[in-house]
Amino acid sequence: MPKFTRTIEDFVCAHCGQKVKGNGFTNHCPHCLWSQHVDVNPGDRAEKCGGMMEPVAFEGSVKQYYVVQRCQLCGHERRNKLQDGDNLLALVQTVK
């Protein structure tokens, strides 16, 4: 199974309701930084859980920051690169 599948799709964020235009690398809402637990490997849509992935921390340095998300249903954690256009204020406000 490939480690990355580029899946270009637009979506409405299930957390904040914002419309998000996907580019094939979009894995979280840029407005609230939440996502949905739908991938085993990025883009494959093979995960059956479907839980909401809450931003719980951030990591990195000036070169590259990551948002750490935890699934509210199963507890799985993953980190995703922050992208241009992501709302960094949301990260600071929601991470405990």
N, C-alpha and C. Protein backbone atom coordinates (compact mmCIF):
# COMPACT_ATOMS: atom_id res chain seq x y z
N MET A 1 0.85 -1.18 0.00
CA MET A 1 0.00 0.00 0.00
C MET A 1 0.89 1.24 0.00
N PRO A 2 0.61 2.22 -0.85
CA PRO A 2 1.45 3.42 -0.89
C PRO A 2 1.35 4.22 0.41
N LYS A 3 2.43 4.90 0.75
CA LYS A 3 2.45 5.72 1.97
C LYS A 3 1.74 7.05 1.79
N PHE A 4 1.54 7.49 0.54
CA PHE A 4 0.86 8.76 0.28
C PHE A 4 0.08 8.66 -1.02
N THR A 5 -1.17 9.05 -0.97
CA THR A 5 -2.01 9.12 -2.15
C THR A 5 -2.54 10.55 -2.24
N ARG A 6 -2.23 11.24 -3.31
CA ARG A 6 -2.73 12.61 -3.46
C ARG A 6 -4.20 12.55 -3.83
N THR A 7 -5.04 13.03 -2.92
CA THR A 7 -6.49 13.03 -3.10
C THR A 7 -6.96 14.48 -3.06
N ILE A 8 -7.36 15.00 -4.21
CA ILE A 8 -7.82 16.39 -4.30
C ILE A 8 -9.33 16.41 -4.09
N GLU A 9 -9.75 17.02 -2.98
CA GLU A 9 -11.18 17.11 -2.72
C GLU A 9 -11.46 18.31 -1.82
N ASP A 10 -12.56 18.98 -2.11
CA ASP A 10 -13.04 20.06 -1.26
C ASP A 10 -13.92 19.44 -0.19
N PHE A 11 -14.06 20.12 0.96
CA PHE A 11 -14.91 19.59 2.02
C PHE A 11 -15.43 20.73 2.89
N VAL A 12 -16.45 20.43 3.64
CA VAL A 12 -16.95 21.33 4.67
C VAL A 12 -16.47 20.78 6.00
N CYS A 13 -15.80 21.60 6.78
CA CYS A 13 -15.24 21.15 8.06
C CYS A 13 -16.38 20.72 8.98
N ALA A 14 -16.28 19.50 9.49
CA ALA A 14 -17.30 18.97 10.40
C ALA A 14 -17.22 19.61 11.78
N HIS A 15 -16.14 20.35 12.06
CA HIS A 15 -16.02 21.02 13.36
C HIS A 15 -16.54 22.46 13.32
N CYS A 16 -16.05 23.25 12.36
CA CYS A 16 -16.42 24.67 12.34
C CYS A 16 -17.37 25.05 11.21
N GLY A 17 -17.60 24.16 10.25
CA GLY A 17 -18.54 24.42 9.16
C GLY A 17 -17.99 25.23 8.00
N GLN A 18 -16.70 25.58 8.02
CA GLN A 18 -16.11 26.35 6.93
C GLN A 18 -15.91 25.48 5.69
N LYS A 19 -16.08 26.08 4.52
CA LYS A 19 -15.78 25.39 3.27
C LYS A 19 -14.27 25.44 3.04
N VAL A 20 -13.70 24.29 2.70
CA VAL A 20 -12.26 24.19 2.49
C VAL A 20 -11.99 23.68 1.09
N LYS A 21 -11.14 24.39 0.36
CA LYS A 21 -10.74 23.97 -0.98
C LYS A 21 -9.48 23.13 -0.84
N GLY A 22 -9.58 21.86 -1.21
CA GLY A 22 -8.44 20.95 -1.10
C GLY A 22 -7.50 21.08 -2.28
N ASN A 23 -6.22 20.75 -2.04
CA ASN A 23 -5.23 20.80 -3.11
C ASN A 23 -4.49 19.47 -3.28
N GLY A 24 -4.98 18.44 -2.61
CA GLY A 24 -4.32 17.15 -2.68
C GLY A 24 -3.35 16.92 -1.53
N PHE A 25 -3.02 17.98 -0.83
CA PHE A 25 -2.16 17.89 0.35
C PHE A 25 -2.89 18.38 1.59
N THR A 26 -4.13 18.82 1.42
CA THR A 26 -4.93 19.37 2.51
C THR A 26 -5.38 18.23 3.42
N ASN A 27 -4.99 18.29 4.69
CA ASN A 27 -5.39 17.22 5.61
C ASN A 27 -6.06 17.73 6.87
N HIS A 28 -6.32 19.04 6.92
CA HIS A 28 -7.03 19.61 8.05
C HIS A 28 -7.65 20.93 7.62
N CYS A 29 -8.61 21.39 8.40
CA CYS A 29 -9.25 22.68 8.13
C CYS A 29 -8.27 23.80 8.48
N PRO A 30 -8.00 24.72 7.55
CA PRO A 30 -7.07 25.80 7.85
C PRO A 30 -7.63 26.84 8.82
N HIS A 31 -8.95 26.82 9.04
CA HIS A 31 -9.59 27.79 9.93
C HIS A 31 -9.49 27.38 11.39
N CYS A 32 -9.80 26.11 11.70
CA CYS A 32 -9.81 25.65 13.09
C CYS A 32 -8.77 24.58 13.38
N LEU A 33 -8.11 24.04 12.34
CA LEU A 33 -7.05 23.04 12.42
C LEU A 33 -7.53 21.65 12.85
N TRP A 34 -8.83 21.41 12.85
CA TRP A 34 -9.37 20.08 13.11
C TRP A 34 -9.38 19.30 11.79
N SER A 35 -9.45 17.98 11.90
CA SER A 35 -9.62 17.14 10.73
C SER A 35 -10.47 15.94 11.12
N GLN A 36 -10.57 14.99 10.22
CA GLN A 36 -11.34 13.79 10.47
C GLN A 36 -10.44 12.58 10.28
N HIS A 37 -10.61 11.57 11.12
CA HIS A 37 -9.76 10.37 11.10
C HIS A 37 -10.26 9.44 9.99
N VAL A 38 -9.78 9.69 8.77
CA VAL A 38 -10.26 8.93 7.61
C VAL A 38 -9.14 8.20 6.87
N ASP A 39 -7.88 8.45 7.22
CA ASP A 39 -6.76 7.85 6.49
C ASP A 39 -5.93 6.93 7.38
N VAL A 40 -5.51 5.80 6.81
CA VAL A 40 -4.48 4.97 7.43
C VAL A 40 -3.14 5.55 7.02
N ASN A 41 -2.94 5.72 5.71
CA ASN A 41 -1.81 6.45 5.15
C ASN A 41 -2.40 7.68 4.46
N PRO A 42 -1.68 8.81 4.47
CA PRO A 42 -2.24 10.05 3.94
C PRO A 42 -2.90 9.90 2.57
N GLY A 43 -4.18 10.28 2.50
CA GLY A 43 -4.92 10.30 1.25
C GLY A 43 -5.61 9.02 0.86
N ASP A 44 -5.42 7.93 1.61
CA ASP A 44 -5.99 6.65 1.17
C ASP A 44 -7.46 6.45 1.54
N ARG A 45 -7.98 7.21 2.48
CA ARG A 45 -9.38 7.14 2.93
C ARG A 45 -9.75 5.72 3.37
N ALA A 46 -8.79 4.97 3.95
CA ALA A 46 -9.00 3.58 4.34
C ALA A 46 -9.33 3.40 5.82
N GLU A 47 -9.27 4.47 6.61
CA GLU A 47 -9.56 4.34 8.04
C GLU A 47 -11.07 4.33 8.28
N LYS A 48 -11.55 3.38 9.05
CA LYS A 48 -12.98 3.22 9.30
C LYS A 48 -13.47 4.05 10.49
N CYS A 49 -12.57 4.54 11.34
CA CYS A 49 -12.95 5.25 12.57
C CYS A 49 -13.85 6.45 12.29
N GLY A 50 -13.36 7.40 11.50
CA GLY A 50 -14.14 8.58 11.15
C GLY A 50 -14.29 9.61 12.24
N GLY A 51 -13.61 9.43 13.37
CA GLY A 51 -13.71 10.38 14.48
C GLY A 51 -13.10 11.73 14.14
N MET A 52 -13.43 12.72 14.94
CA MET A 52 -12.86 14.05 14.76
C MET A 52 -11.50 14.12 15.43
N MET A 53 -10.55 14.71 14.70
CA MET A 53 -9.17 14.85 15.16
C MET A 53 -8.98 16.26 15.70
N GLU A 54 -8.84 16.36 17.01
CA GLU A 54 -8.71 17.64 17.70
C GLU A 54 -7.25 18.08 17.75
N PRO A 55 -6.96 19.36 17.46
CA PRO A 55 -5.59 19.85 17.62
C PRO A 55 -5.27 19.94 19.11
N VAL A 56 -4.21 19.24 19.53
CA VAL A 56 -3.88 19.19 20.95
C VAL A 56 -2.49 19.75 21.27
N ALA A 57 -1.65 19.91 20.27
CA ALA A 57 -0.30 20.43 20.50
C ALA A 57 0.30 20.88 19.18
N PHE A 58 1.43 21.55 19.28
CA PHE A 58 2.19 21.83 18.07
C PHE A 58 3.66 21.59 18.36
N GLU A 59 4.39 21.26 17.31
CA GLU A 59 5.80 20.93 17.41
C GLU A 59 6.55 21.60 16.26
N GLY A 60 7.86 21.63 16.37
CA GLY A 60 8.67 22.09 15.27
C GLY A 60 9.48 23.31 15.60
N SER A 61 9.93 23.95 14.53
CA SER A 61 10.76 25.14 14.64
C SER A 61 10.38 26.08 13.52
N VAL A 62 11.09 27.17 13.43
CA VAL A 62 10.78 28.17 12.40
C VAL A 62 10.79 27.54 11.01
N LYS A 63 11.63 26.54 10.79
CA LYS A 63 11.71 25.90 9.48
C LYS A 63 10.41 25.18 9.12
N GLN A 64 9.82 24.43 10.07
CA GLN A 64 8.56 23.71 9.81
C GLN A 64 7.84 23.42 11.12
N TYR A 65 6.59 23.87 11.20
CA TYR A 65 5.76 23.57 12.36
C TYR A 65 4.74 22.49 12.00
N TYR A 66 4.32 21.75 13.01
CA TYR A 66 3.34 20.68 12.86
C TYR A 66 2.24 20.86 13.90
N VAL A 67 1.02 20.52 13.53
CA VAL A 67 -0.06 20.44 14.49
C VAL A 67 -0.23 18.96 14.85
N VAL A 68 -0.33 18.68 16.14
CA VAL A 68 -0.56 17.32 16.61
C VAL A 68 -2.06 17.20 16.89
N GLN A 69 -2.67 16.17 16.33
CA GLN A 69 -4.11 15.96 16.49
C GLN A 69 -4.36 14.62 17.16
N ARG A 70 -5.43 14.57 17.97
CA ARG A 70 -5.84 13.33 18.64
C ARG A 70 -7.29 13.04 18.30
N CYS A 71 -7.55 11.79 17.89
CA CYS A 71 -8.91 11.37 17.55
C CYS A 71 -9.75 11.29 18.82
N GLN A 72 -10.89 11.92 18.79
CA GLN A 72 -11.79 11.93 19.95
C GLN A 72 -12.47 10.57 20.16
N LEU A 73 -12.49 9.71 19.15
CA LEU A 73 -13.12 8.39 19.30
C LEU A 73 -12.14 7.31 19.74
N CYS A 74 -11.01 7.21 19.04
CA CYS A 74 -10.10 6.08 19.30
C CYS A 74 -8.79 6.48 19.98
N GLY A 75 -8.50 7.78 20.06
CA GLY A 75 -7.29 8.25 20.71
C GLY A 75 -6.04 8.27 19.85
N HIS A 76 -6.15 7.85 18.57
CA HIS A 76 -4.99 7.86 17.66
C HIS A 76 -4.46 9.28 17.54
N GLU A 77 -3.14 9.42 17.57
CA GLU A 77 -2.51 10.73 17.39
C GLU A 77 -1.69 10.73 16.11
N ARG A 78 -1.66 11.89 15.47
CA ARG A 78 -0.82 12.09 14.29
C ARG A 78 -0.41 13.55 14.24
N ARG A 79 0.63 13.82 13.48
CA ARG A 79 1.05 15.22 13.30
C ARG A 79 1.00 15.54 11.82
N ASN A 80 0.61 16.78 11.54
CA ASN A 80 0.48 17.26 10.16
C ASN A 80 1.23 18.57 10.02
N LYS A 81 1.89 18.72 8.88
CA LYS A 81 2.59 19.97 8.61
C LYS A 81 1.59 21.11 8.53
N LEU A 82 1.94 22.24 9.15
CA LEU A 82 1.14 23.44 8.97
C LEU A 82 1.44 24.00 7.58
N GLN A 83 0.42 24.52 6.94
CA GLN A 83 0.53 25.02 5.57
C GLN A 83 0.33 26.53 5.54
N ASP A 84 0.79 27.17 4.48
CA ASP A 84 0.50 28.58 4.28
C ASP A 84 -1.01 28.76 4.32
N GLY A 85 -1.48 29.75 5.02
CA GLY A 85 -2.91 30.00 5.11
C GLY A 85 -3.57 29.39 6.33
N ASP A 86 -2.84 28.54 7.09
CA ASP A 86 -3.41 27.99 8.32
C ASP A 86 -3.53 29.09 9.37
N ASN A 87 -4.58 29.02 10.15
CA ASN A 87 -4.87 30.01 11.18
C ASN A 87 -4.04 29.69 12.43
N LEU A 88 -2.90 30.33 12.57
CA LEU A 88 -2.03 30.06 13.71
C LEU A 88 -2.64 30.53 15.02
N LEU A 89 -3.49 31.55 14.97
CA LEU A 89 -4.18 31.99 16.18
C LEU A 89 -5.07 30.88 16.72
N ALA A 90 -5.72 30.13 15.83
CA ALA A 90 -6.56 29.01 16.26
C ALA A 90 -5.70 27.97 16.96
N LEU A 91 -4.49 27.75 16.48
CA LEU A 91 -3.61 26.78 17.11
C LEU A 91 -3.29 27.20 18.53
N VAL A 92 -2.92 28.44 18.70
CA VAL A 92 -2.55 28.94 20.03
C VAL A 92 -3.76 28.91 20.96
N GLN A 93 -4.94 29.22 20.45
CA GLN A 93 -6.14 29.28 21.29
C GLN A 93 -6.68 27.90 21.67
N THR A 94 -6.51 26.90 20.83
CA THR A 94 -7.13 25.62 21.09
C THR A 94 -6.21 24.61 21.76
N VAL A 95 -4.91 24.77 21.62
CA VAL A 95 -3.97 23.82 22.21
C VAL A 95 -3.85 24.12 23.69
N LYS A 96 -4.06 23.08 24.48
CA LYS A 96 -4.04 23.23 25.94
C LYS A 96 -2.69 22.90 26.51
